[in-house]
Amino acid sequence: SISAGSSTSYANSVKGRFTISRDN
């Protein structure tokens, strides 16, 4: 997930492999 302020969090199973980002 990624907040409106671009703070991110990840499931342990994907941490370090997946990256979430956004283009408002």
mmCIF file of all heavy atoms, coordinates in Angstrom:
data_MODEL
# 
_entry.id   MODEL 
# 
loop_
_atom_site.group_PDB 
_atom_site.id 
_atom_site.type_symbol 
_atom_site.label_atom_id 
_atom_site.label_alt_id 
_atom_site.label_comp_id 
_atom_site.label_asym_id 
_atom_site.label_entity_id 
_atom_site.label_seq_id 
_atom_site.pdbx_PDB_ins_code 
_atom_site.Cartn_x 
_atom_site.Cartn_y 
_atom_site.Cartn_z 
_atom_site.occupancy 
_atom_site.B_iso_or_equiv 
_atom_site.pdbx_formal_charge 
_atom_site.auth_seq_id 
_atom_site.auth_comp_id 
_atom_site.auth_asym_id 
_atom_site.auth_atom_id 
_atom_site.pdbx_PDB_model_num 
ATOM 1   N N   . SER A 1 1  ? 0.842  -1.192  0.000   1.00 0.00 ? 1  SER A N   1 
ATOM 2   C CA  . SER A 1 1  ? 0.000  0.000   0.000   1.00 0.00 ? 1  SER A CA  1 
ATOM 3   C C   . SER A 1 1  ? 0.877  1.243   0.000   1.00 0.00 ? 1  SER A C   1 
ATOM 4   O O   . SER A 1 1  ? 2.047  1.203   0.423   1.00 0.00 ? 1  SER A O   1 
ATOM 5   C CB  . SER A 1 1  ? -0.941 0.009   1.205   1.00 0.00 ? 1  SER A CB  1 
ATOM 6   O OG  . SER A 1 1  ? -0.220 0.101   2.408   1.00 0.00 ? 1  SER A OG  1 
ATOM 7   N N   . ILE A 1 2  ? 0.290  2.324   -0.472  1.00 0.00 ? 2  ILE A N   1 
ATOM 8   C CA  . ILE A 1 2  ? 0.987  3.604   -0.510  1.00 0.00 ? 2  ILE A CA  1 
ATOM 9   C C   . ILE A 1 2  ? -0.004 4.689   -0.112  1.00 0.00 ? 2  ILE A C   1 
ATOM 10  O O   . ILE A 1 2  ? -1.100 4.778   -0.670  1.00 0.00 ? 2  ILE A O   1 
ATOM 11  C CB  . ILE A 1 2  ? 1.616  3.862   -1.900  1.00 0.00 ? 2  ILE A CB  1 
ATOM 12  C CG1 . ILE A 1 2  ? 2.417  5.164   -1.901  1.00 0.00 ? 2  ILE A CG1 1 
ATOM 13  C CG2 . ILE A 1 2  ? 0.577  3.828   -3.013  1.00 0.00 ? 2  ILE A CG2 1 
ATOM 14  C CD1 . ILE A 1 2  ? 3.313  5.307   -3.126  1.00 0.00 ? 2  ILE A CD1 1 
ATOM 15  N N   . SER A 1 3  ? 0.390  5.498   0.859   1.00 0.00 ? 3  SER A N   1 
ATOM 16  C CA  . SER A 1 3  ? -0.497 6.542   1.363   1.00 0.00 ? 3  SER A CA  1 
ATOM 17  C C   . SER A 1 3  ? -0.507 7.748   0.431   1.00 0.00 ? 3  SER A C   1 
ATOM 18  O O   . SER A 1 3  ? 0.279  7.834   -0.521  1.00 0.00 ? 3  SER A O   1 
ATOM 19  C CB  . SER A 1 3  ? -0.040 6.972   2.757   1.00 0.00 ? 3  SER A CB  1 
ATOM 20  O OG  . SER A 1 3  ? 1.165  7.725   2.653   1.00 0.00 ? 3  SER A OG  1 
ATOM 21  N N   . ALA A 1 4  ? -1.383 8.691   0.735   1.00 0.00 ? 4  ALA A N   1 
ATOM 22  C CA  . ALA A 1 4  ? -1.433 9.925   -0.043  1.00 0.00 ? 4  ALA A CA  1 
ATOM 23  C C   . ALA A 1 4  ? -0.099 10.666  0.028   1.00 0.00 ? 4  ALA A C   1 
ATOM 24  O O   . ALA A 1 4  ? 0.282  11.343  -0.927  1.00 0.00 ? 4  ALA A O   1 
ATOM 25  C CB  . ALA A 1 4  ? -2.564 10.807  0.473   1.00 0.00 ? 4  ALA A CB  1 
ATOM 26  N N   . GLY A 1 5  ? 0.604  10.499  1.122   1.00 0.00 ? 5  GLY A N   1 
ATOM 27  C CA  . GLY A 1 5  ? 1.912  11.119  1.267   1.00 0.00 ? 5  GLY A CA  1 
ATOM 28  C C   . GLY A 1 5  ? 3.065  10.256  0.817   1.00 0.00 ? 5  GLY A C   1 
ATOM 29  O O   . GLY A 1 5  ? 4.222  10.572  1.072   1.00 0.00 ? 5  GLY A O   1 
ATOM 30  N N   . SER A 1 6  ? 2.729  9.133   0.146   1.00 0.00 ? 6  SER A N   1 
ATOM 31  C CA  . SER A 1 6  ? 3.710  8.203   -0.433  1.00 0.00 ? 6  SER A CA  1 
ATOM 32  C C   . SER A 1 6  ? 4.477  7.378   0.594   1.00 0.00 ? 6  SER A C   1 
ATOM 33  O O   . SER A 1 6  ? 5.556  6.866   0.280   1.00 0.00 ? 6  SER A O   1 
ATOM 34  C CB  . SER A 1 6  ? 4.675  8.921   -1.381  1.00 0.00 ? 6  SER A CB  1 
ATOM 35  O OG  . SER A 1 6  ? 3.966  9.396   -2.514  1.00 0.00 ? 6  SER A OG  1 
ATOM 36  N N   . SER A 1 7  ? 3.928  7.219   1.791   1.00 0.00 ? 7  SER A N   1 
ATOM 37  C CA  . SER A 1 7  ? 4.487  6.225   2.706   1.00 0.00 ? 7  SER A CA  1 
ATOM 38  C C   . SER A 1 7  ? 4.040  4.849   2.239   1.00 0.00 ? 7  SER A C   1 
ATOM 39  O O   . SER A 1 7  ? 2.896  4.674   1.832   1.00 0.00 ? 7  SER A O   1 
ATOM 40  C CB  . SER A 1 7  ? 3.984  6.478   4.127   1.00 0.00 ? 7  SER A CB  1 
ATOM 41  O OG  . SER A 1 7  ? 4.450  7.711   4.607   1.00 0.00 ? 7  SER A OG  1 
ATOM 42  N N   . THR A 1 8  ? 4.950  3.892   2.300   1.00 0.00 ? 8  THR A N   1 
ATOM 43  C CA  . THR A 1 8  ? 4.658  2.567   1.757   1.00 0.00 ? 8  THR A CA  1 
ATOM 44  C C   . THR A 1 8  ? 4.748  1.492   2.830   1.00 0.00 ? 8  THR A C   1 
ATOM 45  O O   . THR A 1 8  ? 5.451  1.651   3.838   1.00 0.00 ? 8  THR A O   1 
ATOM 46  C CB  . THR A 1 8  ? 5.625  2.214   0.620   1.00 0.00 ? 8  THR A CB  1 
ATOM 47  O OG1 . THR A 1 8  ? 6.970  2.254   1.134   1.00 0.00 ? 8  THR A OG1 1 
ATOM 48  C CG2 . THR A 1 8  ? 5.512  3.191   -0.531  1.00 0.00 ? 8  THR A CG2 1 
ATOM 49  N N   . SER A 1 9  ? 4.025  0.417   2.595   1.00 0.00 ? 9  SER A N   1 
ATOM 50  C CA  . SER A 1 9  ? 4.141  -0.765  3.437   1.00 0.00 ? 9  SER A CA  1 
ATOM 51  C C   . SER A 1 9  ? 3.964  -1.995  2.570   1.00 0.00 ? 9  SER A C   1 
ATOM 52  O O   . SER A 1 9  ? 3.323  -1.928  1.508   1.00 0.00 ? 9  SER A O   1 
ATOM 53  C CB  . SER A 1 9  ? 3.119  -0.754  4.568   1.00 0.00 ? 9  SER A CB  1 
ATOM 54  O OG  . SER A 1 9  ? 1.811  -0.837  4.052   1.00 0.00 ? 9  SER A OG  1 
ATOM 55  N N   . TYR A 1 10 ? 4.559  -3.112  3.012   1.00 0.00 ? 10 TYR A N   1 
ATOM 56  C CA  . TYR A 1 10 ? 4.595  -4.326  2.208   1.00 0.00 ? 10 TYR A CA  1 
ATOM 57  C C   . TYR A 1 10 ? 4.328  -5.555  3.067   1.00 0.00 ? 10 TYR A C   1 
ATOM 58  O O   . TYR A 1 10 ? 4.692  -5.604  4.247   1.00 0.00 ? 10 TYR A O   1 
ATOM 59  C CB  . TYR A 1 10 ? 5.964  -4.491  1.553   1.00 0.00 ? 10 TYR A CB  1 
ATOM 60  C CG  . TYR A 1 10 ? 6.323  -3.363  0.613   1.00 0.00 ? 10 TYR A CG  1 
ATOM 61  C CD1 . TYR A 1 10 ? 7.021  -2.251  1.064   1.00 0.00 ? 10 TYR A CD1 1 
ATOM 62  C CD2 . TYR A 1 10 ? 5.950  -3.412  -0.723  1.00 0.00 ? 10 TYR A CD2 1 
ATOM 63  C CE1 . TYR A 1 10 ? 7.342  -1.211  0.203   1.00 0.00 ? 10 TYR A CE1 1 
ATOM 64  C CE2 . TYR A 1 10 ? 6.258  -2.382  -1.592  1.00 0.00 ? 10 TYR A CE2 1 
ATOM 65  C CZ  . TYR A 1 10 ? 6.952  -1.278  -1.120  1.00 0.00 ? 10 TYR A CZ  1 
ATOM 66  O OH  . TYR A 1 10 ? 7.262  -0.253  -1.978  1.00 0.00 ? 10 TYR A OH  1 
ATOM 67  N N   . ALA A 1 11 ? 3.731  -6.552  2.443   1.00 0.00 ? 11 ALA A N   1 
ATOM 68  C CA  . ALA A 1 11 ? 3.640  -7.858  3.085   1.00 0.00 ? 11 ALA A CA  1 
ATOM 69  C C   . ALA A 1 11 ? 5.049  -8.430  3.225   1.00 0.00 ? 11 ALA A C   1 
ATOM 70  O O   . ALA A 1 11 ? 5.925  -8.189  2.381   1.00 0.00 ? 11 ALA A O   1 
ATOM 71  C CB  . ALA A 1 11 ? 2.777  -8.791  2.248   1.00 0.00 ? 11 ALA A CB  1 
ATOM 72  N N   . ASN A 1 12 ? 5.267  -9.188  4.279   1.00 0.00 ? 12 ASN A N   1 
ATOM 73  C CA  . ASN A 1 12 ? 6.606  -9.756  4.498   1.00 0.00 ? 12 ASN A CA  1 
ATOM 74  C C   . ASN A 1 12 ? 7.066  -10.605 3.315   1.00 0.00 ? 12 ASN A C   1 
ATOM 75  O O   . ASN A 1 12 ? 8.255  -10.650 3.003   1.00 0.00 ? 12 ASN A O   1 
ATOM 76  C CB  . ASN A 1 12 ? 6.612  -10.590 5.770   1.00 0.00 ? 12 ASN A CB  1 
ATOM 77  C CG  . ASN A 1 12 ? 6.570  -9.736  7.026   1.00 0.00 ? 12 ASN A CG  1 
ATOM 78  O OD1 . ASN A 1 12 ? 6.964  -8.583  7.015   1.00 0.00 ? 12 ASN A OD1 1 
ATOM 79  N ND2 . ASN A 1 12 ? 6.074  -10.308 8.109   1.00 0.00 ? 12 ASN A ND2 1 
ATOM 80  N N   . SER A 1 13 ? 6.118  -11.251 2.662   1.00 0.00 ? 13 SER A N   1 
ATOM 81  C CA  . SER A 1 13 ? 6.464  -12.167 1.583   1.00 0.00 ? 13 SER A CA  1 
ATOM 82  C C   . SER A 1 13 ? 7.027  -11.459 0.344   1.00 0.00 ? 13 SER A C   1 
ATOM 83  O O   . SER A 1 13 ? 7.659  -12.102 -0.498  1.00 0.00 ? 13 SER A O   1 
ATOM 84  C CB  . SER A 1 13 ? 5.247  -13.000 1.186   1.00 0.00 ? 13 SER A CB  1 
ATOM 85  O OG  . SER A 1 13 ? 4.184  -12.162 0.777   1.00 0.00 ? 13 SER A OG  1 
ATOM 86  N N   . VAL A 1 14 ? 6.799  -10.148 0.234   1.00 0.00 ? 14 VAL A N   1 
ATOM 87  C CA  . VAL A 1 14 ? 7.266  -9.430  -0.963  1.00 0.00 ? 14 VAL A CA  1 
ATOM 88  C C   . VAL A 1 14 ? 8.268  -8.333  -0.623  1.00 0.00 ? 14 VAL A C   1 
ATOM 89  O O   . VAL A 1 14 ? 8.817  -7.701  -1.534  1.00 0.00 ? 14 VAL A O   1 
ATOM 90  C CB  . VAL A 1 14 ? 6.087  -8.827  -1.755  1.00 0.00 ? 14 VAL A CB  1 
ATOM 91  C CG1 . VAL A 1 14 ? 5.054  -9.896  -2.070  1.00 0.00 ? 14 VAL A CG1 1 
ATOM 92  C CG2 . VAL A 1 14 ? 5.454  -7.652  -1.020  1.00 0.00 ? 14 VAL A CG2 1 
ATOM 93  N N   . LYS A 1 15 ? 8.501  -8.103  0.652   1.00 0.00 ? 15 LYS A N   1 
ATOM 94  C CA  . LYS A 1 15 ? 9.384  -7.024  1.073   1.00 0.00 ? 15 LYS A CA  1 
ATOM 95  C C   . LYS A 1 15 ? 10.777 -7.221  0.472   1.00 0.00 ? 15 LYS A C   1 
ATOM 96  O O   . LYS A 1 15 ? 11.331 -8.322  0.504   1.00 0.00 ? 15 LYS A O   1 
ATOM 97  C CB  . LYS A 1 15 ? 9.448  -6.995  2.594   1.00 0.00 ? 15 LYS A CB  1 
ATOM 98  C CG  . LYS A 1 15 ? 9.869  -5.675  3.189   1.00 0.00 ? 15 LYS A CG  1 
ATOM 99  C CD  . LYS A 1 15 ? 9.664  -5.680  4.701   1.00 0.00 ? 15 LYS A CD  1 
ATOM 100 C CE  . LYS A 1 15 ? 8.218  -5.707  5.085   1.00 0.00 ? 15 LYS A CE  1 
ATOM 101 N NZ  . LYS A 1 15 ? 8.000  -5.608  6.557   1.00 0.00 ? 15 LYS A NZ  1 
ATOM 102 N N   . GLY A 1 16 ? 11.306 -6.146  -0.109  1.00 0.00 ? 16 GLY A N   1 
ATOM 103 C CA  . GLY A 1 16 ? 12.621 -6.206  -0.735  1.00 0.00 ? 16 GLY A CA  1 
ATOM 104 C C   . GLY A 1 16 ? 12.589 -6.630  -2.193  1.00 0.00 ? 16 GLY A C   1 
ATOM 105 O O   . GLY A 1 16 ? 13.593 -6.523  -2.900  1.00 0.00 ? 16 GLY A O   1 
ATOM 106 N N   . ARG A 1 17 ? 11.437 -7.113  -2.657  1.00 0.00 ? 17 ARG A N   1 
ATOM 107 C CA  . ARG A 1 17 ? 11.313 -7.546  -4.062  1.00 0.00 ? 17 ARG A CA  1 
ATOM 108 C C   . ARG A 1 17 ? 10.323 -6.675  -4.845  1.00 0.00 ? 17 ARG A C   1 
ATOM 109 O O   . ARG A 1 17 ? 10.501 -6.471  -6.046  1.00 0.00 ? 17 ARG A O   1 
ATOM 110 C CB  . ARG A 1 17 ? 10.847 -9.003  -4.128  1.00 0.00 ? 17 ARG A CB  1 
ATOM 111 C CG  . ARG A 1 17 ? 11.781 -9.977  -3.457  1.00 0.00 ? 17 ARG A CG  1 
ATOM 112 C CD  . ARG A 1 17 ? 11.366 -11.428 -3.724  1.00 0.00 ? 17 ARG A CD  1 
ATOM 113 N NE  . ARG A 1 17 ? 10.044 -11.741 -3.172  1.00 0.00 ? 17 ARG A NE  1 
ATOM 114 C CZ  . ARG A 1 17 ? 9.012  -12.171 -3.898  1.00 0.00 ? 17 ARG A CZ  1 
ATOM 115 N NH1 . ARG A 1 17 ? 9.129  -12.329 -5.209  1.00 0.00 ? 17 ARG A NH1 1 
ATOM 116 N NH2 . ARG A 1 17 ? 7.856  -12.446 -3.311  1.00 0.00 ? 17 ARG A NH2 1 
ATOM 117 N N   . PHE A 1 18 ? 9.279  -6.203  -4.173  1.00 0.00 ? 18 PHE A N   1 
ATOM 118 C CA  . PHE A 1 18 ? 8.237  -5.403  -4.830  1.00 0.00 ? 18 PHE A CA  1 
ATOM 119 C C   . PHE A 1 18 ? 8.351  -3.953  -4.381  1.00 0.00 ? 18 PHE A C   1 
ATOM 120 O O   . PHE A 1 18 ? 8.727  -3.667  -3.241  1.00 0.00 ? 18 PHE A O   1 
ATOM 121 C CB  . PHE A 1 18 ? 6.852  -5.915  -4.452  1.00 0.00 ? 18 PHE A CB  1 
ATOM 122 C CG  . PHE A 1 18 ? 6.479  -7.253  -5.032  1.00 0.00 ? 18 PHE A CG  1 
ATOM 123 C CD1 . PHE A 1 18 ? 7.403  -8.076  -5.658  1.00 0.00 ? 18 PHE A CD1 1 
ATOM 124 C CD2 . PHE A 1 18 ? 5.161  -7.705  -4.925  1.00 0.00 ? 18 PHE A CD2 1 
ATOM 125 C CE1 . PHE A 1 18 ? 7.037  -9.304  -6.186  1.00 0.00 ? 18 PHE A CE1 1 
ATOM 126 C CE2 . PHE A 1 18 ? 4.781  -8.931  -5.440  1.00 0.00 ? 18 PHE A CE2 1 
ATOM 127 C CZ  . PHE A 1 18 ? 5.722  -9.736  -6.072  1.00 0.00 ? 18 PHE A CZ  1 
ATOM 128 N N   . THR A 1 19 ? 7.993  -3.051  -5.291  1.00 0.00 ? 19 THR A N   1 
ATOM 129 C CA  . THR A 1 19 ? 7.968  -1.617  -4.977  1.00 0.00 ? 19 THR A CA  1 
ATOM 130 C C   . THR A 1 19 ? 6.679  -1.008  -5.500  1.00 0.00 ? 19 THR A C   1 
ATOM 131 O O   . THR A 1 19 ? 6.368  -1.126  -6.691  1.00 0.00 ? 19 THR A O   1 
ATOM 132 C CB  . THR A 1 19 ? 9.167  -0.894  -5.600  1.00 0.00 ? 19 THR A CB  1 
ATOM 133 O OG1 . THR A 1 19 ? 10.388 -1.485  -5.146  1.00 0.00 ? 19 THR A OG1 1 
ATOM 134 C CG2 . THR A 1 19 ? 9.164  0.577   -5.215  1.00 0.00 ? 19 THR A CG2 1 
ATOM 135 N N   . ILE A 1 20 ? 5.937  -0.359  -4.616  1.00 0.00 ? 20 ILE A N   1 
ATOM 136 C CA  . ILE A 1 20 ? 4.719  0.341   -5.004  1.00 0.00 ? 20 ILE A CA  1 
ATOM 137 C C   . ILE A 1 20 ? 5.030  1.821   -5.169  1.00 0.00 ? 20 ILE A C   1 
ATOM 138 O O   . ILE A 1 20 ? 5.825  2.388   -4.409  1.00 0.00 ? 20 ILE A O   1 
ATOM 139 C CB  . ILE A 1 20 ? 3.592  0.107   -3.970  1.00 0.00 ? 20 ILE A CB  1 
ATOM 140 C CG1 . ILE A 1 20 ? 2.253  0.650   -4.470  1.00 0.00 ? 20 ILE A CG1 1 
ATOM 141 C CG2 . ILE A 1 20 ? 3.960  0.681   -2.603  1.00 0.00 ? 20 ILE A CG2 1 
ATOM 142 C CD1 . ILE A 1 20 ? 1.068  0.259   -3.590  1.00 0.00 ? 20 ILE A CD1 1 
ATOM 143 N N   . SER A 1 21 ? 4.417  2.433   -6.173  1.00 0.00 ? 21 SER A N   1 
ATOM 144 C CA  . SER A 1 21 ? 4.601  3.862   -6.405  1.00 0.00 ? 21 SER A CA  1 
ATOM 145 C C   . SER A 1 21 ? 3.329  4.430   -7.008  1.00 0.00 ? 21 SER A C   1 
ATOM 146 O O   . SER A 1 21 ? 2.424  3.681   -7.388  1.00 0.00 ? 21 SER A O   1 
ATOM 147 C CB  . SER A 1 21 ? 5.802  4.117   -7.314  1.00 0.00 ? 21 SER A CB  1 
ATOM 148 O OG  . SER A 1 21 ? 5.615  3.508   -8.585  1.00 0.00 ? 21 SER A OG  1 
ATOM 149 N N   . ARG A 1 22 ? 3.262  5.749   -7.105  1.00 0.00 ? 22 ARG A N   1 
ATOM 150 C CA  . ARG A 1 22 ? 2.053  6.388   -7.629  1.00 0.00 ? 22 ARG A CA  1 
ATOM 151 C C   . ARG A 1 22 ? 2.420  7.611   -8.437  1.00 0.00 ? 22 ARG A C   1 
ATOM 152 O O   . ARG A 1 22 ? 3.456  8.248   -8.212  1.00 0.00 ? 22 ARG A O   1 
ATOM 153 C CB  . ARG A 1 22 ? 1.116  6.755   -6.478  1.00 0.00 ? 22 ARG A CB  1 
ATOM 154 C CG  . ARG A 1 22 ? 1.655  7.801   -5.528  1.00 0.00 ? 22 ARG A CG  1 
ATOM 155 C CD  . ARG A 1 22 ? 0.781  7.907   -4.261  1.00 0.00 ? 22 ARG A CD  1 
ATOM 156 N NE  . ARG A 1 22 ? -0.570 8.343   -4.593  1.00 0.00 ? 22 ARG A NE  1 
ATOM 157 C CZ  . ARG A 1 22 ? -1.635 8.105   -3.821  1.00 0.00 ? 22 ARG A CZ  1 
ATOM 158 N NH1 . ARG A 1 22 ? -1.490 7.431   -2.685  1.00 0.00 ? 22 ARG A NH1 1 
ATOM 159 N NH2 . ARG A 1 22 ? -2.822 8.553   -4.183  1.00 0.00 ? 22 ARG A NH2 1 
ATOM 160 N N   . ASP A 1 23 ? 1.530  7.938   -9.374  1.00 0.00 ? 23 ASP A N   1 
ATOM 161 C CA  . ASP A 1 23 ? 1.638  9.147   -10.170 1.00 0.00 ? 23 ASP A CA  1 
ATOM 162 C C   . ASP A 1 23 ? 0.299  9.864   -10.052 1.00 0.00 ? 23 ASP A C   1 
ATOM 163 O O   . ASP A 1 23 ? -0.675 9.497   -10.716 1.00 0.00 ? 23 ASP A O   1 
ATOM 164 C CB  . ASP A 1 23 ? 1.957  8.791   -11.623 1.00 0.00 ? 23 ASP A CB  1 
ATOM 165 C CG  . ASP A 1 23 ? 2.179  10.017  -12.496 1.00 0.00 ? 23 ASP A CG  1 
ATOM 166 O OD1 . ASP A 1 23 ? 1.715  11.122  -12.130 1.00 0.00 ? 23 ASP A OD1 1 
ATOM 167 O OD2 . ASP A 1 23 ? 2.794  9.880   -13.553 1.00 0.00 ? 23 ASP A OD2 1 
ATOM 168 N N   . ASN A 1 24 ? 0.245  10.867  -9.212  1.00 0.00 ? 24 ASN A N   1 
ATOM 169 C CA  . ASN A 1 24 ? -1.021 11.547  -8.967  1.00 0.00 ? 24 ASN A CA  1 
ATOM 170 C C   . ASN A 1 24 ? -1.527 12.302  -10.195 1.00 0.00 ? 24 ASN A C   1 
ATOM 171 O O   . ASN A 1 24 ? -2.738 12.470  -10.369 1.00 0.00 ? 24 ASN A O   1 
ATOM 172 C CB  . ASN A 1 24 ? -0.888 12.512  -7.788  1.00 0.00 ? 24 ASN A CB  1 
ATOM 173 C CG  . ASN A 1 24 ? -0.785 11.791  -6.459  1.00 0.00 ? 24 ASN A CG  1 
ATOM 174 O OD1 . ASN A 1 24 ? -1.129 10.619  -6.334  1.00 0.00 ? 24 ASN A OD1 1 
ATOM 175 N ND2 . ASN A 1 24 ? -0.283 12.484  -5.447  1.00 0.00 ? 24 ASN A ND2 1 
# 
